[in-house]
Amino acid sequence: MFRAVARMAPALILALAASACTTSRPATPSEPSLPPASTARHPAPASEATSEPSDGSTPMNLRLTLDGHQSDATLNDSAAAHDLAELLPLTLDMEDFHRTERIAYPPRKLDTTGAPAASNPKAGDLAYYAPWGNLAFFYRDGDHSPDLVILGRLTDPGDTDRLATAERIRIEASA
């Protein structure tokens, strides 16, 4: 029974993993090189996950509230997305990273079992950057990034403009 629950968690995590970075991008004073000390962290195995639901599975729908404005997103069927879903609902503070993505830190690291070694994020992607343990919400296309796990995607591409300036996000399951 625990395994069945664990398999469903990655779909929810996908929405929170939209904030990621590459190791080739230098940190600036406004961009942390390490997660805040107050954020709980647990080691997560680096492995591989798909960004699309596997055959016969149904992606999980999310409701994102960005500074009071609602947007919809879908999590994929990865272990990391299911793990994120287990943490919902979440309200997180966001910050900009490289004028490409907004990042936020969930209360713990996510399970990245089965995740691909790297991803090429696009505007609207929700991702998780395993080394830092942060979610990445892309409002512009990003660079190829090792250890970036795509968790899902905004339903309406027009919502990416809201991501660019969002300071706070609430992530919850949606019907």
N, C-alpha and C. Protein backbone atom coordinates (compact mmCIF):
# COMPACT_ATOMS: atom_id res chain seq x y z
N MET A 1 0.82 -1.18 0.00
CA MET A 1 0.00 0.00 0.00
C MET A 1 0.87 1.26 0.00
N PHE A 2 1.96 1.25 0.78
CA PHE A 2 2.86 2.39 0.81
C PHE A 2 3.46 2.65 -0.56
N ARG A 3 3.80 1.58 -1.28
CA ARG A 3 4.38 1.76 -2.61
C ARG A 3 3.39 2.40 -3.57
N ALA A 4 2.13 2.04 -3.46
CA ALA A 4 1.11 2.62 -4.32
C ALA A 4 0.99 4.12 -4.07
N VAL A 5 1.03 4.51 -2.80
CA VAL A 5 0.96 5.93 -2.45
C VAL A 5 2.21 6.65 -2.95
N ALA A 6 3.36 6.00 -2.77
CA ALA A 6 4.62 6.61 -3.20
C ALA A 6 4.66 6.81 -4.70
N ARG A 7 4.05 5.92 -5.46
CA ARG A 7 4.04 6.06 -6.92
C ARG A 7 3.17 7.22 -7.37
N MET A 8 2.18 7.60 -6.60
CA MET A 8 1.28 8.67 -6.98
C MET A 8 1.83 10.05 -6.61
N ALA A 9 2.78 10.12 -5.71
CA ALA A 9 3.31 11.39 -5.23
C ALA A 9 4.00 12.21 -6.31
N PRO A 10 4.74 11.62 -7.25
CA PRO A 10 5.47 12.43 -8.24
C PRO A 10 4.59 13.36 -9.06
N ALA A 11 3.36 12.98 -9.34
CA ALA A 11 2.50 13.83 -10.15
C ALA A 11 2.27 15.18 -9.48
N LEU A 12 2.17 15.21 -8.19
CA LEU A 12 1.97 16.45 -7.47
C LEU A 12 3.24 17.28 -7.39
N ILE A 13 4.35 16.62 -7.36
CA ILE A 13 5.63 17.30 -7.23
C ILE A 13 5.97 18.09 -8.48
N LEU A 14 5.48 17.65 -9.59
CA LEU A 14 5.77 18.29 -10.87
C LEU A 14 5.47 19.77 -10.86
N ALA A 15 4.40 20.17 -10.21
CA ALA A 15 4.03 21.58 -10.20
C ALA A 15 4.98 22.41 -9.36
N LEU A 16 5.60 21.81 -8.40
CA LEU A 16 6.50 22.56 -7.54
C LEU A 16 7.92 22.60 -8.05
N ALA A 17 8.22 21.82 -9.04
CA ALA A 17 9.58 21.72 -9.52
C ALA A 17 9.86 22.62 -10.69
N ALA A 18 9.23 23.70 -10.77
CA ALA A 18 9.42 24.58 -11.90
C ALA A 18 10.56 25.56 -11.72
N SER A 19 11.26 25.49 -10.66
CA SER A 19 12.34 26.43 -10.39
C SER A 19 13.66 25.69 -10.34
N ALA A 20 14.48 25.86 -11.37
CA ALA A 20 15.72 25.11 -11.41
C ALA A 20 16.83 25.96 -11.98
N CYS A 21 18.02 25.44 -11.91
CA CYS A 21 19.17 26.16 -12.42
C CYS A 21 20.18 25.16 -12.96
N THR A 22 21.18 25.67 -13.67
CA THR A 22 22.24 24.80 -14.15
C THR A 22 23.48 25.08 -13.34
N THR A 23 24.35 24.09 -13.30
CA THR A 23 25.58 24.29 -12.55
C THR A 23 26.52 25.22 -13.29
N SER A 24 26.26 25.49 -14.57
CA SER A 24 27.12 26.37 -15.34
C SER A 24 26.77 27.84 -15.15
N ARG A 25 25.64 28.13 -14.52
CA ARG A 25 25.24 29.51 -14.31
C ARG A 25 25.79 30.00 -12.97
N PRO A 26 26.54 31.08 -12.97
CA PRO A 26 27.07 31.59 -11.71
C PRO A 26 25.97 32.24 -10.89
N ALA A 27 26.07 32.15 -9.58
CA ALA A 27 25.11 32.79 -8.69
C ALA A 27 25.49 34.25 -8.52
N THR A 28 24.49 35.09 -8.39
CA THR A 28 24.72 36.50 -8.11
C THR A 28 24.25 36.75 -6.69
N PRO A 29 24.51 37.93 -6.14
CA PRO A 29 24.08 38.19 -4.77
C PRO A 29 22.59 37.96 -4.56
N SER A 30 21.74 38.18 -5.57
CA SER A 30 20.31 37.96 -5.40
C SER A 30 19.91 36.53 -5.72
N GLU A 31 20.85 35.72 -6.14
CA GLU A 31 20.56 34.33 -6.48
C GLU A 31 21.38 33.43 -5.56
N PRO A 32 20.71 32.65 -4.71
CA PRO A 32 21.45 31.85 -3.75
C PRO A 32 22.24 30.75 -4.42
N SER A 33 23.44 30.48 -3.90
CA SER A 33 24.20 29.35 -4.39
C SER A 33 23.91 28.13 -3.54
N LEU A 34 23.30 28.35 -2.39
CA LEU A 34 22.90 27.26 -1.51
C LEU A 34 21.50 27.56 -1.01
N PRO A 35 20.72 26.53 -0.72
CA PRO A 35 19.38 26.78 -0.19
C PRO A 35 19.46 27.41 1.20
N PRO A 36 18.42 28.15 1.59
CA PRO A 36 18.42 28.76 2.90
C PRO A 36 18.57 27.70 3.98
N ALA A 37 19.29 28.03 5.05
CA ALA A 37 19.54 27.08 6.13
C ALA A 37 18.26 26.66 6.82
N SER A 38 17.22 27.49 6.78
CA SER A 38 15.98 27.18 7.47
C SER A 38 15.13 26.16 6.74
N THR A 39 15.46 25.85 5.49
CA THR A 39 14.68 24.90 4.71
C THR A 39 15.15 23.49 5.01
N ALA A 40 14.23 22.61 5.39
CA ALA A 40 14.58 21.22 5.68
C ALA A 40 15.02 20.52 4.41
N ARG A 41 16.08 19.75 4.47
CA ARG A 41 16.61 19.04 3.31
C ARG A 41 16.86 17.59 3.68
N HIS A 42 16.54 16.70 2.76
CA HIS A 42 16.84 15.28 2.89
C HIS A 42 17.47 14.83 1.60
N PRO A 43 18.52 14.01 1.64
CA PRO A 43 19.15 13.57 0.40
C PRO A 43 18.16 12.81 -0.47
N ALA A 44 18.23 13.09 -1.77
CA ALA A 44 17.37 12.39 -2.72
C ALA A 44 18.26 11.73 -3.76
N PRO A 45 17.96 10.51 -4.14
CA PRO A 45 18.79 9.83 -5.13
C PRO A 45 18.67 10.49 -6.49
N ALA A 46 19.80 10.63 -7.18
CA ALA A 46 19.77 11.18 -8.53
C ALA A 46 19.51 10.03 -9.48
N SER A 47 18.40 10.09 -10.19
CA SER A 47 18.05 9.06 -11.14
C SER A 47 17.25 9.64 -12.27
N GLU A 48 16.32 8.90 -12.83
CA GLU A 48 15.66 9.35 -14.03
C GLU A 48 14.15 9.31 -13.93
N ALA A 49 13.46 10.32 -14.55
CA ALA A 49 12.00 10.36 -14.60
C ALA A 49 11.58 10.97 -15.92
N THR A 50 10.42 10.61 -16.39
CA THR A 50 9.94 11.14 -17.65
C THR A 50 9.13 12.40 -17.40
N SER A 51 9.03 13.26 -18.41
CA SER A 51 8.24 14.46 -18.25
C SER A 51 6.83 14.27 -18.78
N GLU A 52 6.54 13.12 -19.32
CA GLU A 52 5.21 12.83 -19.82
C GLU A 52 4.65 11.64 -19.05
N PRO A 53 3.33 11.59 -18.88
CA PRO A 53 2.75 10.46 -18.18
C PRO A 53 3.06 9.15 -18.89
N SER A 54 3.26 8.10 -18.12
CA SER A 54 3.47 6.79 -18.72
C SER A 54 2.14 6.27 -19.24
N ASP A 55 2.19 5.26 -20.09
CA ASP A 55 0.97 4.71 -20.68
C ASP A 55 -0.03 4.32 -19.59
N GLY A 56 -1.29 4.66 -19.81
CA GLY A 56 -2.35 4.27 -18.91
C GLY A 56 -2.45 5.12 -17.66
N SER A 57 -1.62 6.14 -17.50
CA SER A 57 -1.70 6.97 -16.31
C SER A 57 -2.38 8.29 -16.64
N THR A 58 -2.84 8.94 -15.61
CA THR A 58 -3.49 10.22 -15.77
C THR A 58 -2.69 11.28 -15.03
N PRO A 59 -2.32 12.38 -15.71
CA PRO A 59 -1.59 13.44 -15.02
C PRO A 59 -2.47 14.08 -13.94
N MET A 60 -1.84 14.68 -12.97
CA MET A 60 -2.58 15.34 -11.90
C MET A 60 -2.75 16.82 -12.21
N ASN A 61 -3.96 17.33 -12.02
CA ASN A 61 -4.23 18.74 -12.23
C ASN A 61 -3.93 19.52 -10.97
N LEU A 62 -3.35 20.70 -11.16
CA LEU A 62 -3.02 21.59 -10.05
C LEU A 62 -3.67 22.94 -10.24
N ARG A 63 -3.90 23.61 -9.11
CA ARG A 63 -4.32 25.00 -9.11
C ARG A 63 -3.17 25.78 -8.50
N LEU A 64 -2.62 26.72 -9.26
CA LEU A 64 -1.55 27.59 -8.77
C LEU A 64 -2.15 28.96 -8.53
N THR A 65 -1.83 29.56 -7.41
CA THR A 65 -2.25 30.93 -7.15
C THR A 65 -0.97 31.76 -7.05
N LEU A 66 -0.80 32.63 -8.05
CA LEU A 66 0.39 33.48 -8.16
C LEU A 66 0.01 34.90 -7.75
N ASP A 67 0.44 35.32 -6.57
CA ASP A 67 0.11 36.65 -6.07
C ASP A 67 -1.39 36.95 -6.20
N GLY A 68 -2.21 35.97 -5.85
CA GLY A 68 -3.66 36.14 -5.87
C GLY A 68 -4.35 35.80 -7.18
N HIS A 69 -3.60 35.53 -8.25
CA HIS A 69 -4.17 35.19 -9.55
C HIS A 69 -4.08 33.68 -9.76
N GLN A 70 -5.20 33.06 -10.14
CA GLN A 70 -5.21 31.61 -10.31
C GLN A 70 -4.77 31.19 -11.70
N SER A 71 -4.01 30.10 -11.74
CA SER A 71 -3.55 29.48 -12.98
C SER A 71 -3.67 27.97 -12.78
N ASP A 72 -3.78 27.25 -13.88
CA ASP A 72 -3.84 25.80 -13.81
C ASP A 72 -2.56 25.20 -14.37
N ALA A 73 -2.21 24.04 -13.85
CA ALA A 73 -1.03 23.30 -14.31
C ALA A 73 -1.33 21.82 -14.21
N THR A 74 -0.49 21.03 -14.84
CA THR A 74 -0.61 19.58 -14.81
C THR A 74 0.72 18.97 -14.42
N LEU A 75 0.70 18.05 -13.48
CA LEU A 75 1.91 17.30 -13.11
C LEU A 75 2.00 16.05 -13.96
N ASN A 76 3.22 15.63 -14.27
CA ASN A 76 3.40 14.38 -15.00
C ASN A 76 3.36 13.20 -14.03
N ASP A 77 3.69 12.02 -14.50
CA ASP A 77 3.59 10.81 -13.71
C ASP A 77 4.93 10.37 -13.14
N SER A 78 5.88 11.29 -12.96
CA SER A 78 7.20 10.94 -12.44
C SER A 78 7.15 10.76 -10.93
N ALA A 79 8.16 10.08 -10.40
CA ALA A 79 8.27 9.88 -8.95
C ALA A 79 8.37 11.23 -8.24
N ALA A 80 9.13 12.16 -8.81
CA ALA A 80 9.30 13.47 -8.20
C ALA A 80 7.97 14.24 -8.16
N ALA A 81 7.19 14.16 -9.23
CA ALA A 81 5.89 14.83 -9.27
C ALA A 81 4.94 14.23 -8.23
N HIS A 82 4.95 12.92 -8.11
CA HIS A 82 4.11 12.26 -7.09
C HIS A 82 4.55 12.68 -5.69
N ASP A 83 5.85 12.80 -5.48
CA ASP A 83 6.37 13.20 -4.18
C ASP A 83 5.93 14.63 -3.85
N LEU A 84 5.98 15.50 -4.83
CA LEU A 84 5.52 16.87 -4.64
C LEU A 84 4.05 16.87 -4.25
N ALA A 85 3.26 16.07 -4.92
CA ALA A 85 1.82 16.00 -4.65
C ALA A 85 1.55 15.63 -3.19
N GLU A 86 2.42 14.81 -2.62
CA GLU A 86 2.26 14.41 -1.21
C GLU A 86 2.40 15.61 -0.26
N LEU A 87 3.09 16.66 -0.70
CA LEU A 87 3.33 17.83 0.14
C LEU A 87 2.23 18.88 0.05
N LEU A 88 1.32 18.73 -0.91
CA LEU A 88 0.30 19.75 -1.14
C LEU A 88 -0.76 19.76 -0.05
N PRO A 89 -1.35 20.91 0.20
CA PRO A 89 -1.10 22.22 -0.42
C PRO A 89 0.16 22.88 0.16
N LEU A 90 0.79 23.72 -0.66
CA LEU A 90 1.98 24.45 -0.26
C LEU A 90 1.83 25.92 -0.62
N THR A 91 2.33 26.78 0.24
CA THR A 91 2.43 28.21 -0.07
C THR A 91 3.90 28.55 0.12
N LEU A 92 4.52 29.09 -0.94
CA LEU A 92 5.96 29.32 -0.95
C LEU A 92 6.29 30.73 -1.45
N ASP A 93 7.35 31.30 -0.90
CA ASP A 93 7.88 32.56 -1.40
C ASP A 93 8.76 32.25 -2.60
N MET A 94 8.70 33.13 -3.61
CA MET A 94 9.46 32.91 -4.84
C MET A 94 10.49 34.03 -5.02
N GLU A 95 11.54 33.69 -5.75
CA GLU A 95 12.55 34.69 -6.12
C GLU A 95 12.99 34.41 -7.55
N ASP A 96 13.51 35.44 -8.19
CA ASP A 96 13.93 35.30 -9.58
C ASP A 96 15.29 34.62 -9.66
N PHE A 97 15.48 33.85 -10.72
CA PHE A 97 16.77 33.25 -10.98
C PHE A 97 17.09 33.44 -12.46
N HIS A 98 18.13 34.21 -12.74
CA HIS A 98 18.64 34.46 -14.10
C HIS A 98 17.60 35.01 -15.08
N ARG A 99 16.62 35.73 -14.58
CA ARG A 99 15.60 36.31 -15.45
C ARG A 99 15.01 35.28 -16.42
N THR A 100 14.91 34.05 -15.93
CA THR A 100 14.39 32.94 -16.73
C THR A 100 13.33 32.16 -15.96
N GLU A 101 13.50 32.09 -14.64
CA GLU A 101 12.63 31.24 -13.82
C GLU A 101 12.45 31.86 -12.44
N ARG A 102 11.37 31.47 -11.80
CA ARG A 102 11.13 31.83 -10.40
C ARG A 102 11.38 30.55 -9.60
N ILE A 103 12.09 30.68 -8.50
CA ILE A 103 12.40 29.49 -7.71
C ILE A 103 11.78 29.59 -6.31
N ALA A 104 11.51 28.43 -5.74
CA ALA A 104 10.95 28.33 -4.39
C ALA A 104 11.41 27.00 -3.80
N TYR A 105 11.46 26.96 -2.48
CA TYR A 105 11.96 25.77 -1.79
C TYR A 105 10.84 25.04 -1.06
N PRO A 106 10.57 23.79 -1.47
CA PRO A 106 9.59 22.99 -0.72
C PRO A 106 10.19 22.62 0.65
N PRO A 107 9.38 22.10 1.56
CA PRO A 107 9.88 21.81 2.91
C PRO A 107 10.93 20.70 2.98
N ARG A 108 11.06 19.91 1.93
CA ARG A 108 12.06 18.85 1.90
C ARG A 108 12.42 18.53 0.46
N LYS A 109 13.53 17.81 0.27
CA LYS A 109 13.91 17.38 -1.07
C LYS A 109 12.92 16.34 -1.58
N LEU A 110 12.79 16.26 -2.89
CA LEU A 110 11.86 15.32 -3.53
C LEU A 110 12.58 14.07 -4.00
N ASP A 111 11.83 13.00 -4.12
CA ASP A 111 12.33 11.72 -4.64
C ASP A 111 12.50 11.85 -6.15
N THR A 112 13.72 11.71 -6.64
CA THR A 112 13.97 11.84 -8.08
C THR A 112 14.26 10.48 -8.73
N THR A 113 13.78 9.41 -8.13
CA THR A 113 13.98 8.08 -8.69
C THR A 113 13.46 8.03 -10.13
N GLY A 114 14.30 7.55 -11.02
CA GLY A 114 13.91 7.40 -12.42
C GLY A 114 14.00 8.68 -13.24
N ALA A 115 14.53 9.76 -12.66
CA ALA A 115 14.60 11.04 -13.38
C ALA A 115 15.71 11.01 -14.43
N PRO A 116 15.51 11.72 -15.56
CA PRO A 116 16.58 11.81 -16.55
C PRO A 116 17.77 12.59 -15.99
N ALA A 117 18.93 12.39 -16.57
CA ALA A 117 20.15 13.06 -16.10
C ALA A 117 20.10 14.57 -16.32
N ALA A 118 19.34 15.03 -17.32
CA ALA A 118 19.26 16.46 -17.62
C ALA A 118 17.97 16.76 -18.38
N SER A 119 17.61 18.04 -18.42
CA SER A 119 16.40 18.46 -19.12
C SER A 119 16.66 19.78 -19.85
N ASN A 120 15.81 20.06 -20.83
CA ASN A 120 15.82 21.31 -21.57
C ASN A 120 14.50 22.02 -21.27
N PRO A 121 14.45 22.87 -20.25
CA PRO A 121 13.19 23.49 -19.85
C PRO A 121 12.68 24.53 -20.85
N LYS A 122 11.37 24.57 -20.97
CA LYS A 122 10.68 25.53 -21.84
C LYS A 122 9.82 26.44 -20.98
N ALA A 123 9.48 27.61 -21.49
CA ALA A 123 8.58 28.52 -20.78
C ALA A 123 7.29 27.77 -20.46
N GLY A 124 6.86 27.86 -19.20
CA GLY A 124 5.65 27.17 -18.75
C GLY A 124 5.94 25.87 -18.02
N ASP A 125 7.18 25.39 -18.07
CA ASP A 125 7.53 24.15 -17.37
C ASP A 125 7.64 24.38 -15.86
N LEU A 126 7.22 23.37 -15.12
CA LEU A 126 7.40 23.31 -13.68
C LEU A 126 8.45 22.24 -13.46
N ALA A 127 9.49 22.55 -12.71
CA ALA A 127 10.60 21.61 -12.59
C ALA A 127 11.15 21.58 -11.17
N TYR A 128 12.08 20.67 -10.95
CA TYR A 128 12.74 20.51 -9.66
C TYR A 128 14.23 20.38 -9.92
N TYR A 129 15.03 21.22 -9.24
CA TYR A 129 16.48 21.16 -9.37
C TYR A 129 17.02 20.39 -8.17
N ALA A 130 17.40 19.14 -8.41
CA ALA A 130 17.78 18.22 -7.34
C ALA A 130 18.94 18.69 -6.46
N PRO A 131 20.04 19.24 -7.01
CA PRO A 131 21.15 19.61 -6.13
C PRO A 131 20.79 20.65 -5.06
N TRP A 132 19.95 21.60 -5.39
CA TRP A 132 19.57 22.64 -4.43
C TRP A 132 18.27 22.30 -3.71
N GLY A 133 17.48 21.40 -4.28
CA GLY A 133 16.20 21.07 -3.68
C GLY A 133 15.13 22.12 -3.91
N ASN A 134 15.24 22.88 -5.01
CA ASN A 134 14.25 23.92 -5.27
C ASN A 134 13.34 23.58 -6.45
N LEU A 135 12.15 24.17 -6.39
CA LEU A 135 11.23 24.10 -7.50
C LEU A 135 11.58 25.25 -8.44
N ALA A 136 11.37 25.04 -9.72
CA ALA A 136 11.65 26.06 -10.73
C ALA A 136 10.42 26.24 -11.60
N PHE A 137 9.99 27.47 -11.76
CA PHE A 137 8.82 27.81 -12.56
C PHE A 137 9.34 28.68 -13.71
N PHE A 138 9.43 28.11 -14.91
CA PHE A 138 10.06 28.80 -16.04
C PHE A 138 9.09 29.74 -16.75
N TYR A 139 9.48 31.01 -16.84
CA TYR A 139 8.70 31.97 -17.62
C TYR A 139 9.40 32.29 -18.94
N ARG A 140 10.59 31.78 -19.13
CA ARG A 140 11.32 31.82 -20.41
C ARG A 140 11.95 30.46 -20.61
N ASP A 141 12.30 30.14 -21.86
CA ASP A 141 13.01 28.89 -22.12
C ASP A 141 14.34 28.93 -21.37
N GLY A 142 14.72 27.79 -20.79
CA GLY A 142 15.96 27.72 -20.02
C GLY A 142 17.02 26.94 -20.76
N ASP A 143 18.20 26.92 -20.18
CA ASP A 143 19.34 26.18 -20.74
C ASP A 143 19.25 24.71 -20.36
N HIS A 144 19.90 23.89 -21.17
CA HIS A 144 20.05 22.46 -20.84
C HIS A 144 20.66 22.39 -19.44
N SER A 145 20.05 21.60 -18.56
CA SER A 145 20.47 21.60 -17.17
C SER A 145 20.58 20.20 -16.59
N PRO A 146 21.79 19.82 -16.16
CA PRO A 146 21.93 18.55 -15.45
C PRO A 146 21.15 18.60 -14.13
N ASP A 147 20.57 17.48 -13.75
CA ASP A 147 19.85 17.33 -12.49
C ASP A 147 18.56 18.12 -12.40
N LEU A 148 18.04 18.63 -13.53
CA LEU A 148 16.76 19.31 -13.56
C LEU A 148 15.69 18.30 -13.97
N VAL A 149 14.66 18.16 -13.16
CA VAL A 149 13.59 17.19 -13.41
C VAL A 149 12.32 17.97 -13.74
N ILE A 150 11.79 17.78 -14.95
CA ILE A 150 10.53 18.43 -15.33
C ILE A 150 9.41 17.69 -14.62
N LEU A 151 8.58 18.44 -13.89
CA LEU A 151 7.47 17.86 -13.12
C LEU A 151 6.13 18.06 -13.79
N GLY A 152 6.01 19.08 -14.60
CA GLY A 152 4.72 19.37 -15.22
C GLY A 152 4.79 20.65 -16.01
N ARG A 153 3.60 21.21 -16.26
CA ARG A 153 3.51 22.35 -17.15
C ARG A 153 2.28 23.18 -16.84
N LEU A 154 2.39 24.49 -17.07
CA LEU A 154 1.21 25.35 -17.00
C LEU A 154 0.25 24.96 -18.10
N THR A 155 -1.03 24.98 -17.83
CA THR A 155 -2.04 24.62 -18.82
C THR A 155 -2.18 25.70 -19.88
N ASP A 156 -2.17 26.97 -19.44
CA ASP A 156 -2.31 28.11 -20.35
C ASP A 156 -0.96 28.80 -20.50
N PRO A 157 -0.35 28.74 -21.71
CA PRO A 157 0.96 29.37 -21.91
C PRO A 157 0.95 30.87 -21.60
N GLY A 158 -0.20 31.50 -21.66
CA GLY A 158 -0.30 32.93 -21.35
C GLY A 158 0.00 33.25 -19.89
N ASP A 159 -0.07 32.24 -19.02
CA ASP A 159 0.20 32.45 -17.60
C ASP A 159 1.69 32.61 -17.29
N THR A 160 2.55 32.39 -18.26
CA THR A 160 3.99 32.53 -18.00
C THR A 160 4.35 33.97 -17.64
N ASP A 161 3.59 34.95 -18.16
CA ASP A 161 3.86 36.35 -17.82
C ASP A 161 3.69 36.61 -16.32
N ARG A 162 2.72 35.96 -15.71
CA ARG A 162 2.50 36.11 -14.27
C ARG A 162 3.67 35.53 -13.47
N LEU A 163 4.27 34.47 -13.99
CA LEU A 163 5.40 33.86 -13.30
C LEU A 163 6.58 34.82 -13.16
N ALA A 164 6.78 35.65 -14.17
CA ALA A 164 7.96 36.52 -14.20
C ALA A 164 8.05 37.46 -13.01
N THR A 165 6.93 37.82 -12.43
CA THR A 165 6.94 38.79 -11.33
C THR A 165 6.35 38.25 -10.03
N ALA A 166 5.91 37.00 -10.02
CA ALA A 166 5.27 36.43 -8.84
C ALA A 166 6.22 36.39 -7.65
N GLU A 167 5.72 36.80 -6.51
CA GLU A 167 6.50 36.77 -5.27
C GLU A 167 6.08 35.61 -4.37
N ARG A 168 4.86 35.13 -4.55
CA ARG A 168 4.31 34.07 -3.70
C ARG A 168 3.47 33.14 -4.57
N ILE A 169 3.55 31.85 -4.25
CA ILE A 169 2.77 30.86 -4.98
C ILE A 169 2.11 29.90 -4.00
N ARG A 170 0.87 29.58 -4.29
CA ARG A 170 0.17 28.52 -3.55
C ARG A 170 -0.09 27.42 -4.56
N ILE A 171 0.25 26.20 -4.19
CA ILE A 171 0.09 25.05 -5.07
C ILE A 171 -0.83 24.07 -4.37
N GLU A 172 -1.90 23.67 -5.06
CA GLU A 172 -2.83 22.72 -4.48
C GLU A 172 -3.40 21.84 -5.58
N ALA A 173 -3.89 20.68 -5.17
CA ALA A 173 -4.53 19.77 -6.11
C ALA A 173 -5.81 20.41 -6.61
N SER A 174 -6.15 20.10 -7.86
CA SER A 174 -7.37 20.63 -8.48
C SER A 174 -8.14 19.46 -9.06
N ALA A 175 -9.44 19.62 -9.13
CA ALA A 175 -10.30 18.55 -9.67
C ALA A 175 -10.15 18.41 -11.17
